[in-house]
C-alpha cells in the first residue's frame, strides 16, 4: 500500500514540476502578436472563405498589418463583410476605404430543362458537374452551359445558390461574393457583378446562330440586334456572344427588349 501511495505522490510531483516548466517555457518562448493584426482580425467576420484571395481572415489581417509590403493591401477585399467591414478596417489602419459597392455572383446561362436540349441522362454515383463534364462535355447538348448538378450549390457555405429547373441561380440577397462558386464551376459561367448592374447576358454559347439555336431556345445567336439597338455603344458581340460593357451601360434595358432569343436579362424590368 505504501508503495502505491509513494508512486501516486511521485506522479503528482512530476506532473506539477512539468506543468510549472511548461508554463514558464510558454512565457519565455511566446511569440508576441502585433496589436495592429489583432485589431484588424477582430473586425473581420471570421468566415475564412478565401474570397479576399488570402488563405483566411488571419492571413488577410496579417497582410493588412504588414507595414513592409511593397504596396499596401486594399481594405476592401472582404466580400462577406462588405462596405461596413472595409470602413472599420480603414479606420483601424488610419486610412479611408473609398467607395465600395457590394458584389454578388451571376450565372451566365439560362439553359433550363425547357430551354436546353439534353444530350444524355447522367446517373453517376456522384452528382457532380465536374464528373459529368468528362463525359462528352456535360449532359446537355450545349457544351458551354450550366451542367446543373450542383457543384456550386455544394461549395456555397451561405445557401446563396440553388438549382432551379436545371440551372444554378444566385440569390443576391444572401450572396456574400466569397467566390467559391466561381472557382468550383467547371464551365466558368459564374462571375461577380456589382449589385447596381441590372442588365446581363444570360448566355455563354460561342457557336454561330444555327448551331446555337439547335441546342438551346434562349441561346445568343450573334445576330447583333443588341449592338444596333444600343445607343450608348455598351454592347458588342464577341466570339459570337453578346458582351455588355458596364462602364457604358446605363441600364435602359433596350437590348434586352429587342433580343429575339431573350438571352439578355433586365432585372429592373423583371422586378
Protein backbone atom coordinates (compact mmCIF):
# COMPACT_ATOMS: atom_id res chain seq x y z
CA UNK A 1 0.00 0.00 0.00
CA UNK A 2 2.83 2.40 0.91
CA UNK A 3 4.47 1.74 -2.46
CA UNK A 4 1.26 2.66 -4.24
CA UNK A 5 0.94 5.91 -2.29
CA UNK A 6 4.59 6.77 -2.98
CA UNK A 7 4.07 6.11 -6.71
CA UNK A 8 0.99 8.34 -6.79
CA UNK A 9 2.82 11.13 -4.94
CA UNK A 10 5.78 10.88 -7.32
CA UNK A 11 3.48 11.11 -10.35
CA UNK A 12 1.75 14.17 -8.92
CA UNK A 13 5.09 15.84 -8.13
CA UNK A 14 6.45 15.10 -11.61
CA UNK A 15 3.23 16.43 -13.15
CA UNK A 16 3.42 19.58 -11.04
CA UNK A 17 7.05 20.21 -11.96
CA UNK A 18 6.32 19.57 -15.66
CA UNK A 19 3.37 21.95 -15.53
CA UNK A 20 5.47 24.71 -13.97
CA UNK A 21 8.24 24.22 -16.54
CA UNK A 22 5.78 24.25 -19.46
CA UNK A 23 4.10 27.38 -18.13
CA UNK A 24 7.47 29.10 -17.79
CA UNK A 25 8.54 27.99 -21.27
CA UNK A 26 5.32 29.24 -22.82
CA UNK A 27 6.02 32.70 -21.46
CA UNK A 28 9.71 32.74 -22.36
CA UNK A 29 9.22 31.48 -25.91
CA UNK A 30 5.87 33.13 -26.58
CA UNK A 31 5.56 34.90 -29.95
CA UNK A 32 4.08 38.31 -29.41
CA UNK A 33 1.21 39.12 -31.76
CA UNK A 34 1.20 42.50 -33.43
CA UNK A 35 -1.53 44.57 -31.81
CA UNK A 36 -2.46 46.02 -35.19
CA UNK A 37 -3.02 42.49 -36.51
CA UNK A 38 -5.21 41.66 -33.50
CA UNK A 39 -7.28 44.80 -34.00
CA UNK A 40 -7.73 44.11 -37.72
CA UNK A 41 -8.56 40.46 -37.12
CA UNK A 42 -11.23 41.48 -34.62
CA UNK A 43 -13.02 43.46 -37.35
CA UNK A 44 -13.11 40.58 -39.86
CA UNK A 45 -16.15 38.28 -39.86
CA UNK A 46 -14.22 35.01 -39.48
CA UNK A 47 -15.84 33.29 -42.45
CA UNK A 48 -12.43 32.15 -43.75
CA UNK A 49 -13.99 31.81 -47.21
CA UNK A 50 -10.90 32.84 -49.15
CA UNK A 51 -12.87 35.32 -51.24
CA UNK A 52 -10.30 38.02 -50.47
CA UNK A 53 -7.59 35.98 -52.17
CA UNK A 54 -5.88 35.02 -48.92
CA UNK A 55 -5.91 31.74 -47.01
CA UNK A 56 -8.38 33.07 -44.45
CA UNK A 57 -9.18 36.00 -42.19
CA UNK A 58 -5.93 35.62 -40.23
CA UNK A 59 -3.86 35.68 -43.41
CA UNK A 60 -5.70 38.73 -44.73
CA UNK A 61 -5.27 40.54 -41.40
CA UNK A 62 -1.53 39.77 -41.42
CA UNK A 63 -1.27 41.16 -44.96
CA UNK A 64 -3.10 44.33 -43.96
CA UNK A 65 -0.86 44.76 -40.91
CA UNK A 66 2.37 44.23 -42.88
CA UNK A 67 3.97 47.67 -42.93
CA UNK A 68 6.89 46.42 -45.03
CA UNK A 69 4.77 45.39 -48.00
CA UNK A 70 5.81 46.83 -51.37
CA UNK A 71 2.24 48.04 -51.89
CA UNK A 72 -0.49 48.46 -49.27
CA UNK A 73 -3.16 45.76 -49.33
CA UNK A 74 -6.66 47.17 -50.02
CA UNK A 75 -9.02 47.02 -47.08
CA UNK A 76 -11.94 46.38 -49.43
CA UNK A 77 -11.22 42.71 -50.17
CA UNK A 78 -13.58 41.18 -47.62
CA UNK A 79 -16.65 40.34 -49.68
CA UNK A 80 -18.51 38.84 -46.73
CA UNK A 81 -18.13 41.94 -44.58
CA UNK A 82 -18.72 44.35 -47.44
CA UNK A 83 -18.52 48.13 -47.10
CA UNK A 84 -19.12 48.08 -43.32
CA UNK A 85 -16.07 45.92 -42.61
CA UNK A 86 -14.00 47.83 -45.15
CA UNK A 87 -14.77 51.06 -43.29
CA UNK A 88 -13.78 49.52 -39.94
CA UNK A 89 -10.52 48.15 -41.36
CA UNK A 90 -9.73 51.53 -42.89
CA UNK A 91 -10.40 53.26 -39.57
CA UNK A 92 -8.08 50.82 -37.80
CA UNK A 93 -5.37 51.47 -40.38
CA UNK A 94 -5.93 55.21 -40.31
CA UNK A 95 -6.97 55.38 -43.96
CA UNK A 96 -10.19 55.64 -45.95
CA UNK A 97 -11.92 52.77 -47.66
CA UNK A 98 -13.34 54.81 -50.51
CA UNK A 99 -16.50 53.78 -52.30
CA UNK A 100 -17.13 50.06 -52.02
CA UNK A 101 -20.09 48.54 -53.80
CA UNK A 102 -21.37 45.14 -52.77
CA UNK A 103 -20.98 42.43 -55.37
CA UNK A 104 -22.89 39.24 -56.00
CA UNK A 105 -22.37 36.19 -58.18
CA UNK A 106 -24.15 35.85 -61.51
CA UNK A 107 -24.58 32.71 -63.63
CA UNK A 108 -24.35 33.43 -67.37
CA UNK A 109 -26.72 30.71 -68.51
CA UNK A 110 -30.45 30.25 -68.92
CA UNK A 111 -30.29 26.70 -70.22
CA UNK A 112 -33.17 25.35 -68.16
CA UNK A 113 -34.65 21.90 -68.77
CA UNK A 114 -37.23 23.54 -71.00
CA UNK A 115 -34.73 25.62 -72.98
CA UNK A 116 -31.65 23.40 -73.34
CA UNK A 117 -31.73 20.07 -75.14
CA UNK A 118 -30.42 17.10 -73.15
CA UNK A 119 -27.53 15.08 -74.55
CA UNK A 120 -27.83 12.15 -72.16
CA UNK A 121 -29.19 11.37 -68.70
CA UNK A 122 -26.41 11.44 -66.15
CA UNK A 123 -26.78 8.78 -63.46
CA UNK A 124 -23.35 8.64 -61.86
CA UNK A 125 -22.87 7.68 -58.24
CA UNK A 126 -21.72 11.23 -57.54
CA UNK A 127 -23.94 14.11 -58.63
CA UNK A 128 -21.12 16.27 -59.95
CA UNK A 129 -20.80 18.77 -62.78
CA UNK A 130 -17.05 18.11 -62.93
CA UNK A 131 -17.67 14.37 -63.33
CA UNK A 132 -20.38 14.85 -65.96
CA UNK A 133 -18.16 17.24 -67.92
CA UNK A 134 -15.69 14.42 -68.54
CA UNK A 135 -18.46 12.64 -70.49
CA UNK A 136 -18.88 14.49 -73.80
CA UNK A 137 -18.58 17.87 -72.07
CA UNK A 138 -21.73 17.56 -69.97
CA UNK A 139 -25.26 16.16 -70.03
CA UNK A 140 -26.71 18.92 -72.23
CA UNK A 141 -26.17 19.45 -75.94
CA UNK A 142 -24.85 22.95 -75.28
CA UNK A 143 -21.18 22.46 -74.38
CA UNK A 144 -20.96 25.92 -72.80
CA UNK A 145 -23.97 25.93 -70.48
CA UNK A 146 -24.71 25.07 -66.88
CA UNK A 147 -24.49 21.31 -66.37
CA UNK A 148 -26.92 21.61 -63.48
CA UNK A 149 -25.67 19.03 -60.99
CA UNK A 150 -24.91 21.48 -58.19
CA UNK A 151 -21.14 21.67 -57.64
CA UNK A 152 -21.61 25.39 -56.97
CA UNK A 153 -24.50 24.67 -54.59
CA UNK A 154 -22.34 22.29 -52.57
CA UNK A 155 -19.48 24.80 -52.49
CA UNK A 156 -21.56 27.68 -51.15
CA UNK A 157 -21.45 27.96 -47.36
CA UNK A 158 -24.15 30.62 -47.26
CA UNK A 159 -27.02 28.82 -49.04
CA UNK A 160 -26.99 31.56 -51.67
CA UNK A 161 -27.17 29.45 -54.83
CA UNK A 162 -29.65 26.76 -55.82
CA UNK A 163 -30.63 24.71 -58.84
CA UNK A 164 -33.80 25.93 -60.49
CA UNK A 165 -35.09 23.81 -63.37
CA UNK A 166 -31.61 22.51 -64.13
CA UNK A 167 -29.71 25.81 -63.88
CA UNK A 168 -27.83 27.39 -60.98
CA UNK A 169 -29.47 30.61 -59.77
CA UNK A 170 -27.97 33.00 -57.22
CA UNK A 171 -29.99 34.73 -54.51
CA UNK A 172 -28.42 38.22 -54.46
CA UNK A 173 -29.87 38.98 -51.03
CA UNK A 174 -27.87 36.14 -49.47
CA UNK A 175 -24.75 36.01 -51.67
CA UNK A 176 -21.58 37.25 -49.93
CA UNK A 177 -19.39 37.23 -53.07
CA UNK A 178 -16.95 34.83 -51.45
CA UNK A 179 -16.15 33.42 -54.90
CA UNK A 180 -16.25 29.72 -54.06
CA UNK A 181 -18.93 29.01 -56.66
CA UNK A 182 -16.79 30.76 -59.26
CA UNK A 183 -13.82 28.53 -58.51
CA UNK A 184 -15.98 25.40 -58.47
CA UNK A 185 -17.91 25.80 -61.73
CA UNK A 186 -16.22 23.63 -64.40
CA UNK A 187 -17.91 25.67 -67.14
CA UNK A 188 -16.60 29.02 -65.82
CA UNK A 189 -20.08 30.53 -66.06
CA UNK A 190 -20.11 32.44 -62.78
CA UNK A 191 -18.67 35.89 -62.19
CA UNK A 192 -19.06 38.72 -59.70
CA UNK A 193 -21.19 41.72 -60.60
CA UNK A 194 -21.92 44.93 -58.66
CA UNK A 195 -25.46 44.92 -57.29
CA UNK A 196 -26.15 48.16 -59.17
CA UNK A 197 -25.84 46.38 -62.54
CA UNK A 198 -29.23 45.28 -63.80
CA UNK A 199 -28.67 44.11 -67.39
CA UNK A 200 -26.84 40.84 -68.04
CA UNK A 201 -26.26 38.43 -70.89
CA UNK A 202 -27.63 35.06 -69.76
CA UNK A 203 -25.73 33.01 -72.29
CA UNK A 204 -22.17 31.81 -72.86
CA UNK A 205 -22.63 29.86 -76.10
CA UNK A 206 -19.93 30.82 -78.61
CA UNK A 207 -21.37 28.91 -81.56
CA UNK A 208 -22.90 30.69 -84.55
CA UNK A 209 -26.64 31.21 -84.83
CA UNK A 210 -27.88 27.95 -86.35
CA UNK A 211 -25.67 25.77 -84.17
CA UNK A 212 -26.57 27.76 -81.05
CA UNK A 213 -30.32 27.57 -81.74
CA UNK A 214 -30.07 23.82 -82.24
CA UNK A 215 -29.05 23.23 -78.62
CA UNK A 216 -30.92 25.93 -76.66
CA UNK A 217 -34.05 28.02 -77.21
CA UNK A 218 -32.61 31.08 -75.45
CA UNK A 219 -29.06 30.96 -76.78
CA UNK A 220 -27.44 34.12 -78.11
CA UNK A 221 -27.30 33.74 -81.90
CA UNK A 222 -24.89 36.63 -82.54
CA UNK A 223 -27.50 38.48 -84.62
CA UNK A 224 -26.12 41.81 -83.32
CA UNK A 225 -29.61 43.21 -82.76
CA UNK A 226 -28.42 44.34 -79.32
CA UNK A 227 -25.49 46.19 -80.90
CA UNK A 228 -27.75 48.02 -83.33
CA UNK A 229 -30.27 48.84 -80.62
CA UNK A 230 -27.89 50.23 -78.01
CA UNK A 231 -27.40 53.98 -78.37
CA UNK A 232 -24.51 54.05 -75.90
CA UNK A 233 -22.11 51.59 -77.57
CA UNK A 234 -22.38 49.44 -74.45
CA UNK A 235 -22.93 46.02 -76.01
CA UNK A 236 -20.93 44.16 -78.63
CA UNK A 237 -20.85 40.61 -79.93
CA UNK A 238 -17.52 38.97 -79.04
CA UNK A 239 -16.81 35.37 -80.04
CA UNK A 240 -20.43 35.03 -81.20
CA UNK A 241 -21.94 36.04 -77.86
CA UNK A 242 -23.13 39.45 -76.65
CA UNK A 243 -20.95 41.19 -74.07
CA UNK A 244 -22.08 44.25 -72.10
CA UNK A 245 -19.63 46.96 -71.06
CA UNK A 246 -20.81 48.03 -67.57
CA UNK A 247 -18.85 51.28 -67.85
CA UNK A 248 -21.05 52.39 -70.75
CA UNK A 249 -24.32 50.64 -69.95
CA UNK A 250 -26.96 52.94 -68.43
CA UNK A 251 -29.35 50.11 -67.67
CA UNK A 252 -32.06 51.22 -70.09
CA UNK A 253 -32.83 47.60 -70.96
CA UNK A 254 -33.44 48.26 -74.66
CA UNK A 255 -31.06 45.48 -75.68
CA UNK A 256 -32.99 43.00 -73.54
CA UNK A 257 -36.30 44.14 -75.01
CA UNK A 258 -35.07 43.74 -78.59
CA UNK A 259 -33.18 40.44 -78.19
CA UNK A 260 -35.12 37.91 -80.29
CA UNK A 261 -33.92 34.96 -78.19
CA UNK A 262 -34.39 36.61 -74.77
CA UNK A 263 -30.74 35.94 -73.99
CA UNK A 264 -30.36 39.25 -72.15
CA UNK A 265 -31.82 39.68 -68.68
CA UNK A 266 -33.11 43.03 -67.45
CA UNK A 267 -33.51 42.73 -63.69
CA UNK A 268 -35.15 46.15 -63.45
CA UNK A 269 -37.98 45.08 -65.79
CA UNK A 270 -38.17 41.63 -64.18
CA UNK A 271 -38.68 43.16 -60.76
